[in-house]
């Protein structure tokens, strides 16, 4: 049985700590977590080192314990690694992990973890489409990160080739997102623009028609996506 512990991963993070970049990144994220200032290359390097030590895919209990331990680590980078590992073992992600992802979302305090949770949650939704209805109440919450993560969750990104696929048709998306189309928080606005651009790429005529019919009630940042 191959195993790696959260202590092993934290040591790998600390080994690559960049204090000056950590200050910059912490300011950008505005997170309360500890930030080691690792680059994307650093994270990829750690994932490469971990691969021979990771549990077999069949060892689900060990996987879930490892992921939970990473999420509870004080390091921002540990959480990102937990989410990247989940994305990489997408066979484990299905409806029964919804509660775990929901619980994690309660502790999000940055756009980076909100978006990664959305990417992982989308895997569950693709396998069990009815799960999307569970997110409807989240659009009414005061938690900006839950609102943003809901938007990101509506796009499935294939873990193998990174192709993007909308999980609802365009008209279903417009109706579902109605509660936050005029959201005043910039973090949510960025996610909505991203989603509307994907709709434009896949359903340009439907988006054009929707914007024409509703332009009086839509904010400028969405009207400009045409």
C-alpha atoms as a PDB file:
ATOM      1  CA  UNK A   1       0.000   0.000   0.000  1.00  0.00           C
ATOM      2  CA  UNK A   2       1.435   3.364  -1.042  1.00  0.00           C
ATOM      3  CA  UNK A   3       0.798   6.246   1.325  1.00  0.00           C
ATOM      4  CA  UNK A   4       1.760   9.872   1.665  1.00  0.00           C
ATOM      5  CA  UNK A   5       0.867  12.065   4.637  1.00  0.00           C
ATOM      6  CA  UNK A   6      -0.086  15.702   4.910  1.00  0.00           C
ATOM      7  CA  UNK A   7       3.157  16.224   6.858  1.00  0.00           C
ATOM      8  CA  UNK A   8       5.111  15.012   3.828  1.00  0.00           C
ATOM      9  CA  UNK A   9       3.273  17.476   1.628  1.00  0.00           C
ATOM     10  CA  UNK A  10       3.670  20.378   4.040  1.00  0.00           C
ATOM     11  CA  UNK A  11       7.414  19.708   4.159  1.00  0.00           C
ATOM     12  CA  UNK A  12       7.509  19.801   0.351  1.00  0.00           C
ATOM     13  CA  UNK A  13       5.651  23.128   0.435  1.00  0.00           C
ATOM     14  CA  UNK A  14       7.914  24.675   3.078  1.00  0.00           C
ATOM     15  CA  UNK A  15      10.976  23.517   1.161  1.00  0.00           C
ATOM     16  CA  UNK A  16       9.911  25.716  -1.771  1.00  0.00           C
ATOM     17  CA  UNK A  17       8.694  28.680   0.262  1.00  0.00           C
ATOM     18  CA  UNK A  18       9.194  32.069  -1.399  1.00  0.00           C
ATOM     19  CA  UNK A  19       8.574  34.726   1.255  1.00  0.00           C
ATOM     20  CA  UNK A  20       8.487  37.733  -1.043  1.00  0.00           C
ATOM     21  CA  UNK A  21       6.079  36.033  -3.430  1.00  0.00           C
ATOM     22  CA  UNK A  22       4.041  34.827  -0.454  1.00  0.00           C
ATOM     23  CA  UNK A  23       3.391  38.410   0.631  1.00  0.00           C
ATOM     24  CA  UNK A  24       2.303  39.351  -2.876  1.00  0.00           C
ATOM     25  CA  UNK A  25       0.088  36.290  -3.285  1.00  0.00           C
ATOM     26  CA  UNK A  26      -1.519  36.680   0.129  1.00  0.00           C
ATOM     27  CA  UNK A  27      -2.433  40.248  -0.746  1.00  0.00           C
ATOM     28  CA  UNK A  28      -3.890  39.160  -4.076  1.00  0.00           C
ATOM     29  CA  UNK A  29      -5.959  36.389  -2.508  1.00  0.00           C
ATOM     30  CA  UNK A  30      -6.841  38.201   0.722  1.00  0.00           C
ATOM     31  CA  UNK A  31      -6.889  34.788   2.400  1.00  0.00           C
ATOM     32  CA  UNK A  32      -6.492  34.089   6.096  1.00  0.00           C
ATOM     33  CA  UNK A  33      -4.577  30.907   5.315  1.00  0.00           C
ATOM     34  CA  UNK A  34      -0.796  30.688   5.444  1.00  0.00           C
ATOM     35  CA  UNK A  35       0.698  31.268   2.006  1.00  0.00           C
ATOM     36  CA  UNK A  36       4.099  29.855   1.071  1.00  0.00           C
ATOM     37  CA  UNK A  37       4.251  31.710  -2.238  1.00  0.00           C
ATOM     38  CA  UNK A  38       4.636  28.658  -4.482  1.00  0.00           C
ATOM     39  CA  UNK A  39       4.429  29.044  -8.238  1.00  0.00           C
ATOM     40  CA  UNK A  40       2.391  26.880 -10.559  1.00  0.00           C
ATOM     41  CA  UNK A  41       5.627  25.105 -11.466  1.00  0.00           C
ATOM     42  CA  UNK A  42       6.293  24.362  -7.789  1.00  0.00           C
ATOM     43  CA  UNK A  43       2.857  22.765  -7.403  1.00  0.00           C
ATOM     44  CA  UNK A  44       3.339  20.640 -10.512  1.00  0.00           C
ATOM     45  CA  UNK A  45       6.726  19.549  -9.198  1.00  0.00           C
ATOM     46  CA  UNK A  46       5.191  18.498  -5.873  1.00  0.00           C
ATOM     47  CA  UNK A  47       2.420  16.591  -7.640  1.00  0.00           C
ATOM     48  CA  UNK A  48       5.086  14.789  -9.679  1.00  0.00           C
ATOM     49  CA  UNK A  49       6.959  13.815  -6.545  1.00  0.00           C
ATOM     50  CA  UNK A  50       3.763  12.610  -4.889  1.00  0.00           C
ATOM     51  CA  UNK A  51       2.567  10.419  -7.732  1.00  0.00           C
ATOM     52  CA  UNK A  52       4.571   7.289  -6.817  1.00  0.00           C
ATOM     53  CA  UNK A  53       3.402   7.584  -3.193  1.00  0.00           C
ATOM     54  CA  UNK A  54      -0.306   8.174  -3.745  1.00  0.00           C
ATOM     55  CA  UNK A  55      -2.865   5.484  -2.826  1.00  0.00           C
ATOM     56  CA  UNK A  56      -4.244   3.191  -5.494  1.00  0.00           C
ATOM     57  CA  UNK A  57      -7.485   4.479  -6.965  1.00  0.00           C
ATOM     58  CA  UNK A  58      -9.358   1.590  -5.304  1.00  0.00           C
ATOM     59  CA  UNK A  59      -8.267   2.780  -1.843  1.00  0.00           C
ATOM     60  CA  UNK A  60     -11.034   5.346  -1.578  1.00  0.00           C
ATOM     61  CA  UNK A  61     -11.031   5.628   2.213  1.00  0.00           C
ATOM     62  CA  UNK A  62      -7.307   6.447   2.262  1.00  0.00           C
ATOM     63  CA  UNK A  63      -7.777   8.970  -0.548  1.00  0.00           C
ATOM     64  CA  UNK A  64     -10.580  10.776   1.258  1.00  0.00           C
ATOM     65  CA  UNK A  65      -8.639  10.930   4.520  1.00  0.00           C
ATOM     66  CA  UNK A  66      -5.645  12.399   2.705  1.00  0.00           C
ATOM     67  CA  UNK A  67      -7.777  14.992   0.927  1.00  0.00           C
ATOM     68  CA  UNK A  68      -9.521  15.997   4.148  1.00  0.00           C
ATOM     69  CA  UNK A  69      -6.191  16.337   5.955  1.00  0.00           C
ATOM     70  CA  UNK A  70      -4.894  18.547   3.148  1.00  0.00           C
ATOM     71  CA  UNK A  71      -7.995  20.728   3.335  1.00  0.00           C
ATOM     72  CA  UNK A  72      -7.510  21.151   7.092  1.00  0.00           C
ATOM     73  CA  UNK A  73      -3.856  22.152   6.642  1.00  0.00           C
ATOM     74  CA  UNK A  74      -3.140  25.823   7.419  1.00  0.00           C
ATOM     75  CA  UNK A  75      -1.477  26.290   4.004  1.00  0.00           C
ATOM     76  CA  UNK A  76      -3.327  27.728   1.029  1.00  0.00           C
ATOM     77  CA  UNK A  77      -1.177  25.562  -1.217  1.00  0.00           C
ATOM     78  CA  UNK A  78      -2.300  22.408   0.611  1.00  0.00           C
ATOM     79  CA  UNK A  79      -5.905  23.188  -0.243  1.00  0.00           C
ATOM     80  CA  UNK A  80      -5.055  23.797  -3.880  1.00  0.00           C
ATOM     81  CA  UNK A  81      -3.177  20.506  -4.006  1.00  0.00           C
ATOM     82  CA  UNK A  82      -6.170  18.708  -2.439  1.00  0.00           C
ATOM     83  CA  UNK A  83      -8.449  20.103  -5.137  1.00  0.00           C
ATOM     84  CA  UNK A  84      -6.001  19.374  -7.942  1.00  0.00           C
ATOM     85  CA  UNK A  85      -5.634  15.798  -6.706  1.00  0.00           C
ATOM     86  CA  UNK A  86      -9.430  15.426  -6.639  1.00  0.00           C
ATOM     87  CA  UNK A  87      -9.628  16.766 -10.181  1.00  0.00           C
ATOM     88  CA  UNK A  88      -6.974  14.265 -11.230  1.00  0.00           C
ATOM     89  CA  UNK A  89      -8.803  11.275  -9.702  1.00  0.00           C
ATOM     90  CA  UNK A  90     -12.203  12.211 -11.109  1.00  0.00           C
ATOM     91  CA  UNK A  91     -13.407   8.593 -10.905  1.00  0.00           C
ATOM     92  CA  UNK A  92     -13.765   9.165  -7.154  1.00  0.00           C
ATOM     93  CA  UNK A  93     -15.901  12.276  -7.570  1.00  0.00           C
ATOM     94  CA  UNK A  94     -19.614  11.564  -7.603  1.00  0.00           C
ATOM     95  CA  UNK A  95     -22.838  12.400  -5.758  1.00  0.00           C
ATOM     96  CA  UNK A  96     -21.738  10.863  -2.471  1.00  0.00           C
ATOM     97  CA  UNK A  97     -18.937  13.456  -2.145  1.00  0.00           C
ATOM     98  CA  UNK A  98     -21.380  16.363  -2.514  1.00  0.00           C
ATOM     99  CA  UNK A  99     -21.646  16.838   1.243  1.00  0.00           C
ATOM    100  CA  UNK A 100     -17.869  16.989   1.610  1.00  0.00           C
ATOM    101  CA  UNK A 101     -17.565  19.609  -1.126  1.00  0.00           C
ATOM    102  CA  UNK A 102     -20.450  21.561   0.384  1.00  0.00           C
ATOM    103  CA  UNK A 103     -18.729  21.544   3.776  1.00  0.00           C
ATOM    104  CA  UNK A 104     -15.469  22.701   2.238  1.00  0.00           C
ATOM    105  CA  UNK A 105     -17.237  25.576   0.511  1.00  0.00           C
ATOM    106  CA  UNK A 106     -18.201  26.951   3.923  1.00  0.00           C
ATOM    107  CA  UNK A 107     -14.502  27.578   4.616  1.00  0.00           C
ATOM    108  CA  UNK A 108     -13.538  29.270   1.347  1.00  0.00           C
ATOM    109  CA  UNK A 109     -12.112  32.772   1.522  1.00  0.00           C
ATOM    110  CA  UNK A 110     -10.575  33.322  -1.913  1.00  0.00           C
ATOM    111  CA  UNK A 111     -11.519  33.144  -5.577  1.00  0.00           C
ATOM    112  CA  UNK A 112      -8.858  30.474  -6.218  1.00  0.00           C
ATOM    113  CA  UNK A 113     -10.336  27.851  -3.898  1.00  0.00           C
ATOM    114  CA  UNK A 114     -13.891  28.865  -4.858  1.00  0.00           C
ATOM    115  CA  UNK A 115     -13.114  28.213  -8.523  1.00  0.00           C
ATOM    116  CA  UNK A 116     -11.283  24.942  -7.936  1.00  0.00           C
ATOM    117  CA  UNK A 117     -14.198  23.696  -5.844  1.00  0.00           C
ATOM    118  CA  UNK A 118     -16.467  24.642  -8.730  1.00  0.00           C
ATOM    119  CA  UNK A 119     -14.360  22.616 -11.173  1.00  0.00           C
ATOM    120  CA  UNK A 120     -14.471  19.575  -8.900  1.00  0.00           C
ATOM    121  CA  UNK A 121     -18.178  19.980  -8.141  1.00  0.00           C
ATOM    122  CA  UNK A 122     -18.927  20.078 -11.886  1.00  0.00           C
ATOM    123  CA  UNK A 123     -17.601  16.513 -12.162  1.00  0.00           C
ATOM    124  CA  UNK A 124     -20.263  15.393  -9.687  1.00  0.00           C
ATOM    125  CA  UNK A 125     -22.981  17.292 -11.534  1.00  0.00           C
ATOM    126  CA  UNK A 126     -22.018  15.775 -14.870  1.00  0.00           C
ATOM    127  CA  UNK A 127     -22.441  12.309 -13.365  1.00  0.00           C
ATOM    128  CA  UNK A 128     -25.665  13.216 -11.516  1.00  0.00           C
ATOM    129  CA  UNK A 129     -27.302  16.186 -13.331  1.00  0.00           C
ATOM    130  CA  UNK A 130     -30.073  16.585 -10.746  1.00  0.00           C
ATOM    131  CA  UNK A 131     -27.463  17.857  -8.284  1.00  0.00           C
ATOM    132  CA  UNK A 132     -27.531  21.237 -10.011  1.00  0.00           C
ATOM    133  CA  UNK A 133     -30.841  22.019  -8.293  1.00  0.00           C
ATOM    134  CA  UNK A 134     -29.112  21.852  -4.911  1.00  0.00           C
ATOM    135  CA  UNK A 135     -27.150  24.966  -5.859  1.00  0.00           C
ATOM    136  CA  UNK A 136     -30.193  27.140  -6.555  1.00  0.00           C
ATOM    137  CA  UNK A 137     -30.455  28.364  -2.918  1.00  0.00           C
ATOM    138  CA  UNK A 138     -26.750  29.272  -2.981  1.00  0.00           C
ATOM    139  CA  UNK A 139     -27.483  32.092  -5.426  1.00  0.00           C
ATOM    140  CA  UNK A 140     -29.504  33.794  -2.684  1.00  0.00           C
ATOM    141  CA  UNK A 141     -26.807  33.516  -0.022  1.00  0.00           C
ATOM    142  CA  UNK A 142     -24.712  36.414   1.273  1.00  0.00           C
ATOM    143  CA  UNK A 143     -21.591  34.251   0.855  1.00  0.00           C
ATOM    144  CA  UNK A 144     -19.894  35.699  -2.239  1.00  0.00           C
ATOM    145  CA  UNK A 145     -17.603  32.689  -2.654  1.00  0.00           C
ATOM    146  CA  UNK A 146     -20.504  30.262  -2.660  1.00  0.00           C
ATOM    147  CA  UNK A 147     -22.236  32.372  -5.316  1.00  0.00           C
ATOM    148  CA  UNK A 148     -19.077  32.508  -7.428  1.00  0.00           C
ATOM    149  CA  UNK A 149     -18.375  28.792  -7.003  1.00  0.00           C
ATOM    150  CA  UNK A 150     -21.933  28.010  -8.131  1.00  0.00           C
ATOM    151  CA  UNK A 151     -21.338  29.831 -11.422  1.00  0.00           C
ATOM    152  CA  UNK A 152     -18.066  27.981 -12.030  1.00  0.00           C
ATOM    153  CA  UNK A 153     -19.773  24.661 -11.235  1.00  0.00           C
ATOM    154  CA  UNK A 154     -21.995  25.047 -14.311  1.00  0.00           C
ATOM    155  CA  UNK A 155     -19.072  24.292 -16.641  1.00  0.00           C
ATOM    156  CA  UNK A 156     -17.576  20.806 -16.770  1.00  0.00           C
ATOM    157  CA  UNK A 157     -13.870  20.745 -17.604  1.00  0.00           C
ATOM    158  CA  UNK A 158     -12.679  17.362 -18.815  1.00  0.00           C
ATOM    159  CA  UNK A 159      -9.788  16.276 -16.531  1.00  0.00           C
ATOM    160  CA  UNK A 160      -8.031  14.594 -19.477  1.00  0.00           C
ATOM    161  CA  UNK A 161      -8.176  17.106 -22.330  1.00  0.00           C
ATOM    162  CA  UNK A 162      -9.504  20.193 -20.449  1.00  0.00           C
ATOM    163  CA  UNK A 163     -12.374  20.615 -22.936  1.00  0.00           C
ATOM    164  CA  UNK A 164     -15.194  22.754 -21.536  1.00  0.00           C
ATOM    165  CA  UNK A 165     -18.852  21.700 -21.621  1.00  0.00           C
ATOM    166  CA  UNK A 166     -21.873  23.598 -20.322  1.00  0.00           C
ATOM    167  CA  UNK A 167     -23.912  21.454 -17.936  1.00  0.00           C
ATOM    168  CA  UNK A 168     -27.190  23.194 -18.827  1.00  0.00           C
ATOM    169  CA  UNK A 169     -28.584  24.502 -22.086  1.00  0.00           C
ATOM    170  CA  UNK A 170     -28.381  28.277 -22.654  1.00  0.00           C
ATOM    171  CA  UNK A 171     -32.011  29.021 -21.769  1.00  0.00           C
ATOM    172  CA  UNK A 172     -31.769  26.873 -18.630  1.00  0.00           C
ATOM    173  CA  UNK A 173     -28.605  28.739 -17.658  1.00  0.00           C
ATOM    174  CA  UNK A 174     -30.205  32.153 -18.084  1.00  0.00           C
ATOM    175  CA  UNK A 175     -33.165  31.122 -15.946  1.00  0.00           C
ATOM    176  CA  UNK A 176     -31.004  29.468 -13.281  1.00  0.00           C
ATOM    177  CA  UNK A 177     -28.687  32.484 -12.979  1.00  0.00           C
ATOM    178  CA  UNK A 178     -31.449  35.102 -12.850  1.00  0.00           C
ATOM    179  CA  UNK A 179     -30.951  35.800  -9.090  1.00  0.00           C
ATOM    180  CA  UNK A 180     -27.336  36.923  -9.576  1.00  0.00           C
ATOM    181  CA  UNK A 181     -27.214  38.420 -13.073  1.00  0.00           C
ATOM    182  CA  UNK A 182     -27.139  41.874 -11.476  1.00  0.00           C
ATOM    183  CA  UNK A 183     -24.826  40.851  -8.620  1.00  0.00           C
ATOM    184  CA  UNK A 184     -22.799  43.854  -7.464  1.00  0.00           C
ATOM    185  CA  UNK A 185     -19.785  41.902  -6.232  1.00  0.00           C
ATOM    186  CA  UNK A 186     -16.850  42.024  -8.657  1.00  0.00           C
ATOM    187  CA  UNK A 187     -15.850  38.448  -7.852  1.00  0.00           C
ATOM    188  CA  UNK A 188     -19.225  37.147  -8.995  1.00  0.00           C
ATOM    189  CA  UNK A 189     -19.248  39.452 -12.020  1.00  0.00           C
ATOM    190  CA  UNK A 190     -15.926  38.008 -13.219  1.00  0.00           C
ATOM    191  CA  UNK A 191     -17.323  34.463 -13.009  1.00  0.00           C
ATOM    192  CA  UNK A 192     -20.498  35.458 -14.874  1.00  0.00           C
ATOM    193  CA  UNK A 193     -18.543  37.092 -17.699  1.00  0.00           C
ATOM    194  CA  UNK A 194     -16.419  33.940 -17.982  1.00  0.00           C
ATOM    195  CA  UNK A 195     -19.563  31.806 -18.203  1.00  0.00           C
ATOM    196  CA  UNK A 196     -21.251  34.114 -20.723  1.00  0.00           C
ATOM    197  CA  UNK A 197     -18.158  33.960 -22.929  1.00  0.00           C
ATOM    198  CA  UNK A 198     -18.406  30.161 -22.939  1.00  0.00           C
ATOM    199  CA  UNK A 199     -22.100  30.443 -23.839  1.00  0.00           C
ATOM    200  CA  UNK A 200     -21.137  32.786 -26.679  1.00  0.00           C
ATOM    201  CA  UNK A 201     -18.615  30.269 -28.015  1.00  0.00           C
ATOM    202  CA  UNK A 202     -21.144  27.429 -27.984  1.00  0.00           C
ATOM    203  CA  UNK A 203     -24.499  29.162 -28.510  1.00  0.00           C
ATOM    204  CA  UNK A 204     -23.825  32.557 -30.126  1.00  0.00           C
ATOM    205  CA  UNK A 205     -27.311  32.989 -31.593  1.00  0.00           C
ATOM    206  CA  UNK A 206     -29.075  32.170 -28.333  1.00  0.00           C
ATOM    207  CA  UNK A 207     -26.848  34.562 -26.394  1.00  0.00           C
ATOM    208  CA  UNK A 208     -27.328  37.341 -28.934  1.00  0.00           C
ATOM    209  CA  UNK A 209     -31.094  36.953 -28.754  1.00  0.00           C
ATOM    210  CA  UNK A 210     -31.091  36.867 -24.960  1.00  0.00           C
ATOM    211  CA  UNK A 211     -28.965  40.009 -24.685  1.00  0.00           C
ATOM    212  CA  UNK A 212     -31.171  41.849 -27.165  1.00  0.00           C
ATOM    213  CA  UNK A 213     -34.355  40.974 -25.288  1.00  0.00           C
ATOM    214  CA  UNK A 214     -33.010  41.675 -21.805  1.00  0.00           C
ATOM    215  CA  UNK A 215     -30.400  44.392 -22.306  1.00  0.00           C
ATOM    216  CA  UNK A 216     -32.426  46.948 -20.309  1.00  0.00           C
ATOM    217  CA  UNK A 217     -32.228  44.743 -17.236  1.00  0.00           C
ATOM    218  CA  UNK A 218     -28.639  43.536 -17.568  1.00  0.00           C
ATOM    219  CA  UNK A 219     -25.439  45.204 -16.319  1.00  0.00           C
ATOM    220  CA  UNK A 220     -22.891  46.541 -18.872  1.00  0.00           C
ATOM    221  CA  UNK A 221     -20.307  43.817 -18.209  1.00  0.00           C
ATOM    222  CA  UNK A 222     -22.744  41.141 -19.419  1.00  0.00           C
ATOM    223  CA  UNK A 223     -24.191  43.131 -22.320  1.00  0.00           C
ATOM    224  CA  UNK A 224     -20.651  43.554 -23.677  1.00  0.00           C
ATOM    225  CA  UNK A 225     -20.295  39.775 -24.108  1.00  0.00           C
ATOM    226  CA  UNK A 226     -21.646  39.429 -27.640  1.00  0.00           C
END
